[in-house]
Amino acid sequence: MKKAWGSAAMIAATILWGVAFSAQSSGMKFIEPMVFTALRSMVGVLSLCAVIVLFDLVKVKKATFWGTAESSAERKELVTGGLLCGTV
């Protein structure tokens, strides 16, 4: 079952990769590259947020911004790591 799930995930990723390339090529005719990249990133962020909330609902777990970080030290570590990943 895991092998079939992995194969299906790889096929889905391949299809999405190909569709994204076609969309990017045709999208460059209408908008600037930076605007396209910003919109594409926002779609990705919103999609991931929806997936996170969906997974939290399926597990009947409270959806939180911080995930499993409960203490302020853990939250500080998450923010610092996120900022470093985004700027480096």
Protein backbone atom coordinates (compact mmCIF):
# COMPACT_ATOMS: atom_id res chain seq x y z
CA MET A 1 0.00 0.00 0.00
CA LYS A 2 2.81 2.42 0.86
CA LYS A 3 4.52 1.66 -2.43
CA ALA A 4 1.35 2.43 -4.41
CA TRP A 5 0.85 5.66 -2.43
CA GLY A 6 4.44 6.71 -3.14
CA SER A 7 4.06 6.00 -6.85
CA ALA A 8 0.80 7.96 -7.00
CA ALA A 9 2.42 10.89 -5.20
CA MET A 10 5.34 10.90 -7.66
CA ILE A 11 2.98 10.84 -10.65
CA ALA A 12 0.95 13.70 -9.17
CA ALA A 13 4.13 15.72 -8.54
CA THR A 14 5.28 15.13 -12.12
CA ILE A 15 1.95 16.28 -13.53
CA LEU A 16 1.92 19.37 -11.30
CA TRP A 17 5.50 20.19 -12.29
CA GLY A 18 4.63 20.01 -15.99
CA VAL A 19 1.45 22.04 -15.63
CA ALA A 20 3.29 24.68 -13.59
CA PHE A 21 5.91 25.06 -16.33
CA SER A 22 3.23 25.55 -18.99
CA ALA A 23 1.34 28.02 -16.80
CA GLN A 24 4.50 29.99 -16.12
CA SER A 25 5.40 30.16 -19.80
CA SER A 26 1.97 31.44 -20.79
CA GLY A 27 1.66 33.68 -17.71
CA MET A 28 4.79 35.63 -18.63
CA LYS A 29 2.91 37.02 -21.64
CA PHE A 30 0.48 38.91 -19.41
CA ILE A 31 2.25 39.93 -16.18
CA GLU A 32 5.73 40.81 -14.97
CA PRO A 33 7.98 38.03 -13.63
CA MET A 34 8.11 39.39 -10.06
CA VAL A 35 4.33 39.71 -9.87
CA PHE A 36 3.94 36.18 -11.20
CA THR A 37 6.42 34.84 -8.65
CA ALA A 38 4.67 36.67 -5.81
CA LEU A 39 1.26 35.34 -6.86
CA ARG A 40 2.64 31.84 -7.24
CA SER A 41 4.16 32.00 -3.77
CA MET A 42 0.90 33.24 -2.27
CA VAL A 43 -1.01 30.37 -3.88
CA GLY A 44 1.53 27.98 -2.37
CA VAL A 45 1.23 29.53 1.09
CA LEU A 46 -2.57 29.44 1.02
CA SER A 47 -2.54 25.84 -0.22
CA LEU A 48 -0.18 24.73 2.53
CA CYS A 49 -2.23 26.54 5.18
CA ALA A 50 -5.34 24.75 3.94
CA VAL A 51 -3.55 21.39 4.07
CA ILE A 52 -2.29 22.06 7.60
CA VAL A 53 -5.77 22.97 8.82
CA LEU A 54 -7.24 19.93 7.06
CA PHE A 55 -4.72 17.59 8.65
CA ASP A 56 -5.36 19.14 12.07
CA LEU A 57 -9.10 18.66 11.62
CA VAL A 58 -8.71 15.05 10.52
CA LYS A 59 -6.61 14.31 13.60
CA VAL A 60 -9.23 16.13 15.70
CA LYS A 61 -6.51 18.40 16.97
CA LYS A 62 -6.73 22.11 17.54
CA ALA A 63 -5.32 24.06 14.58
CA THR A 64 -2.72 26.49 15.87
CA PHE A 65 -0.28 28.84 14.20
CA TRP A 66 2.63 27.46 16.20
CA GLY A 67 1.95 23.77 15.61
CA THR A 68 3.26 21.78 18.56
CA ALA A 69 5.38 24.57 20.10
CA GLU A 70 3.89 25.22 23.51
CA SER A 71 6.52 27.22 25.37
CA SER A 72 7.76 30.68 24.47
CA ALA A 73 11.29 29.29 23.99
CA GLU A 74 10.04 26.85 21.35
CA ARG A 75 8.09 29.61 19.60
CA LYS A 76 11.17 31.86 19.61
CA GLU A 77 13.21 29.05 18.09
CA LEU A 78 10.59 28.56 15.35
CA VAL A 79 10.49 32.25 14.47
CA THR A 80 14.29 32.55 14.47
CA GLY A 81 14.67 29.47 12.28
CA GLY A 82 11.99 30.68 9.89
CA LEU A 83 13.57 34.10 9.55
CA LEU A 84 17.00 32.60 8.96
CA CYS A 85 15.62 30.24 6.31
CA GLY A 86 13.83 33.09 4.59
CA THR A 87 16.81 35.45 4.49
CA VAL A 88 19.81 33.19 3.99
